[in-house]
Structures are given as structure tokens and as C-alpha cells.
Amino acid sequence: MPEQWLTPCAGDGCCTSYCDVRAPNACALASQGAECVAFIAKGFDVPEGMEHVGFCGVP
């Protein structure tokens, strides 16, 4: 993931957790501003039925 999508991150090779955008924010770095962000909101092609899958990052 690019660093502008993640908190904190240095570089373009950062890792993060998957999450369910319909669930309460369970991101490990929620206290630092991380939220569950839908892949579809960032322009990814998302398979049908997987629209609820996101990643913990910066909205």
C-alpha cells in the first residue's frame, strides 16, 4: 500500500490488516487515525460480494 493510505508508514511497501467496512472500527491503529477503508473507495476492482472488505488505513 502507498504510504499516504496508511498510518504510520514510510515508503510504498507497507502492510496493513483487512477489515469489514460494515463492522465497528477494529483497526489496531485506530487511536492514530486508522479506519476501515473500502477498497472500492480507492479505485480497486472488487469482486462481486466482496464490497464489504477493506483495509485499515487513512480515509
N, C-alpha and C. Protein backbone atom coordinates (compact mmCIF):
# COMPACT_ATOMS: atom_id res chain seq x y z
N MET A 1 0.83 -1.18 0.00
CA MET A 1 0.00 0.00 0.00
C MET A 1 0.88 1.25 0.00
N PRO A 2 0.46 2.29 -0.68
CA PRO A 2 1.20 3.55 -0.63
C PRO A 2 1.11 4.19 0.75
N GLU A 3 2.15 4.90 1.13
CA GLU A 3 2.20 5.46 2.48
C GLU A 3 1.09 6.46 2.78
N GLN A 4 0.56 7.17 1.79
CA GLN A 4 -0.49 8.15 2.06
C GLN A 4 -1.79 7.50 2.48
N TRP A 5 -1.92 6.19 2.31
CA TRP A 5 -3.14 5.47 2.70
C TRP A 5 -3.01 4.83 4.07
N LEU A 6 -1.80 4.83 4.65
CA LEU A 6 -1.57 4.11 5.90
C LEU A 6 -0.98 5.03 6.97
N THR A 7 -1.23 4.66 8.23
CA THR A 7 -0.71 5.41 9.37
C THR A 7 -0.08 4.45 10.35
N PRO A 8 1.09 4.64 10.84
CA PRO A 8 2.19 5.34 10.20
C PRO A 8 2.84 4.43 9.17
N CYS A 9 3.50 5.01 8.22
CA CYS A 9 4.14 4.23 7.18
C CYS A 9 5.25 5.07 6.55
N ALA A 10 6.32 4.42 6.17
CA ALA A 10 7.41 5.10 5.49
C ALA A 10 7.73 4.31 4.23
N GLY A 11 7.25 4.78 3.09
CA GLY A 11 7.52 4.11 1.83
C GLY A 11 6.26 3.56 1.19
N ASP A 12 6.43 2.86 0.08
CA ASP A 12 5.29 2.33 -0.66
C ASP A 12 5.11 0.84 -0.49
N GLY A 13 5.81 0.23 0.44
CA GLY A 13 5.69 -1.21 0.63
C GLY A 13 5.14 -1.56 2.00
N CYS A 14 4.18 -0.80 2.47
CA CYS A 14 3.66 -1.01 3.82
C CYS A 14 2.54 -2.04 3.84
N CYS A 15 2.42 -2.73 4.96
CA CYS A 15 1.39 -3.74 5.14
C CYS A 15 0.34 -3.25 6.12
N THR A 16 -0.86 -3.78 6.00
CA THR A 16 -1.94 -3.45 6.91
C THR A 16 -2.91 -4.61 6.98
N SER A 17 -3.88 -4.50 7.85
CA SER A 17 -4.86 -5.57 8.03
C SER A 17 -6.07 -5.37 7.14
N TYR A 18 -6.72 -6.48 6.80
CA TYR A 18 -8.02 -6.42 6.16
C TYR A 18 -9.07 -6.16 7.23
N CYS A 19 -10.21 -5.63 6.84
CA CYS A 19 -11.29 -5.36 7.80
C CYS A 19 -12.63 -5.38 7.07
N ASP A 20 -13.69 -5.34 7.85
CA ASP A 20 -15.06 -5.33 7.32
C ASP A 20 -15.59 -3.91 7.49
N VAL A 21 -15.89 -3.23 6.40
CA VAL A 21 -16.33 -1.84 6.46
C VAL A 21 -17.69 -1.69 7.15
N ARG A 22 -18.42 -2.79 7.32
CA ARG A 22 -19.73 -2.74 7.97
C ARG A 22 -19.62 -2.87 9.49
N ALA A 23 -18.47 -3.28 9.98
CA ALA A 23 -18.27 -3.53 11.41
C ALA A 23 -17.70 -2.30 12.11
N PRO A 24 -17.79 -2.28 13.45
CA PRO A 24 -17.14 -1.18 14.19
C PRO A 24 -15.64 -1.16 13.90
N ASN A 25 -15.04 -0.01 14.03
CA ASN A 25 -13.61 0.14 13.73
C ASN A 25 -12.77 -0.70 14.68
N ALA A 26 -12.18 -1.77 14.17
CA ALA A 26 -11.34 -2.65 14.97
C ALA A 26 -9.88 -2.57 14.52
N CYS A 27 -9.53 -1.52 13.79
CA CYS A 27 -8.16 -1.38 13.30
C CYS A 27 -7.21 -1.16 14.48
N ALA A 28 -6.08 -1.85 14.44
CA ALA A 28 -5.10 -1.77 15.53
C ALA A 28 -4.62 -0.34 15.77
N LEU A 29 -4.54 0.48 14.73
CA LEU A 29 -4.05 1.84 14.88
C LEU A 29 -5.16 2.87 14.85
N ALA A 30 -6.35 2.49 15.30
CA ALA A 30 -7.48 3.42 15.32
C ALA A 30 -7.17 4.67 16.14
N SER A 31 -6.41 4.52 17.20
CA SER A 31 -6.06 5.67 18.04
C SER A 31 -5.16 6.67 17.31
N GLN A 32 -4.56 6.23 16.18
CA GLN A 32 -3.70 7.10 15.38
C GLN A 32 -4.40 7.54 14.10
N GLY A 33 -5.71 7.31 14.01
CA GLY A 33 -6.49 7.78 12.87
C GLY A 33 -6.83 6.75 11.82
N ALA A 34 -6.41 5.50 12.03
CA ALA A 34 -6.73 4.45 11.06
C ALA A 34 -8.20 4.09 11.12
N GLU A 35 -8.79 3.85 9.96
CA GLU A 35 -10.18 3.41 9.83
C GLU A 35 -10.24 2.31 8.79
N CYS A 36 -11.34 1.59 8.78
CA CYS A 36 -11.55 0.58 7.75
C CYS A 36 -11.99 1.30 6.47
N VAL A 37 -11.16 1.24 5.45
CA VAL A 37 -11.40 1.93 4.18
C VAL A 37 -11.74 0.89 3.12
N ALA A 38 -12.84 1.08 2.44
CA ALA A 38 -13.26 0.15 1.39
C ALA A 38 -12.28 0.21 0.21
N PHE A 39 -11.87 -0.95 -0.29
CA PHE A 39 -11.01 -0.97 -1.47
C PHE A 39 -11.66 -0.25 -2.64
N ILE A 40 -12.98 -0.42 -2.77
CA ILE A 40 -13.70 0.18 -3.89
C ILE A 40 -13.60 1.71 -3.85
N ALA A 41 -13.49 2.30 -2.64
CA ALA A 41 -13.37 3.75 -2.49
C ALA A 41 -12.03 4.27 -3.01
N LYS A 42 -11.04 3.39 -3.11
CA LYS A 42 -9.71 3.78 -3.59
C LYS A 42 -9.50 3.38 -5.05
N GLY A 43 -10.56 2.93 -5.72
CA GLY A 43 -10.46 2.64 -7.14
C GLY A 43 -10.06 1.23 -7.51
N PHE A 44 -10.01 0.33 -6.56
CA PHE A 44 -9.69 -1.07 -6.86
C PHE A 44 -10.90 -1.75 -7.50
N ASP A 45 -10.64 -2.70 -8.38
CA ASP A 45 -11.71 -3.56 -8.89
C ASP A 45 -11.98 -4.61 -7.83
N VAL A 46 -13.20 -4.64 -7.34
CA VAL A 46 -13.56 -5.54 -6.24
C VAL A 46 -14.53 -6.60 -6.76
N PRO A 47 -14.23 -7.88 -6.49
CA PRO A 47 -15.13 -8.94 -6.93
C PRO A 47 -16.52 -8.79 -6.30
N GLU A 48 -17.53 -9.17 -7.05
CA GLU A 48 -18.90 -9.12 -6.55
C GLU A 48 -19.01 -9.91 -5.25
N GLY A 49 -19.68 -9.34 -4.28
CA GLY A 49 -19.84 -9.97 -2.98
C GLY A 49 -18.74 -9.64 -1.99
N MET A 50 -17.71 -8.94 -2.44
CA MET A 50 -16.60 -8.59 -1.56
C MET A 50 -16.51 -7.08 -1.31
N GLU A 51 -17.57 -6.37 -1.61
CA GLU A 51 -17.57 -4.92 -1.46
C GLU A 51 -17.37 -4.46 -0.03
N HIS A 52 -17.65 -5.34 0.93
CA HIS A 52 -17.52 -5.00 2.36
C HIS A 52 -16.10 -5.14 2.88
N VAL A 53 -15.19 -5.70 2.08
CA VAL A 53 -13.82 -5.89 2.51
C VAL A 53 -13.03 -4.61 2.30
N GLY A 54 -12.30 -4.24 3.34
CA GLY A 54 -11.47 -3.04 3.24
C GLY A 54 -10.12 -3.28 3.89
N PHE A 55 -9.40 -2.19 4.10
CA PHE A 55 -8.10 -2.27 4.76
C PHE A 55 -8.02 -1.18 5.82
N CYS A 56 -7.23 -1.41 6.83
CA CYS A 56 -7.05 -0.41 7.87
C CYS A 56 -6.07 0.65 7.37
N GLY A 57 -6.57 1.86 7.22
CA GLY A 57 -5.73 2.93 6.69
C GLY A 57 -6.35 4.29 6.92
N VAL A 58 -5.86 5.27 6.18
CA VAL A 58 -6.33 6.65 6.28
C VAL A 58 -7.41 6.88 5.23
N PRO A 59 -8.58 7.34 5.66
CA PRO A 59 -9.66 7.56 4.68
C PRO A 59 -9.36 8.68 3.69
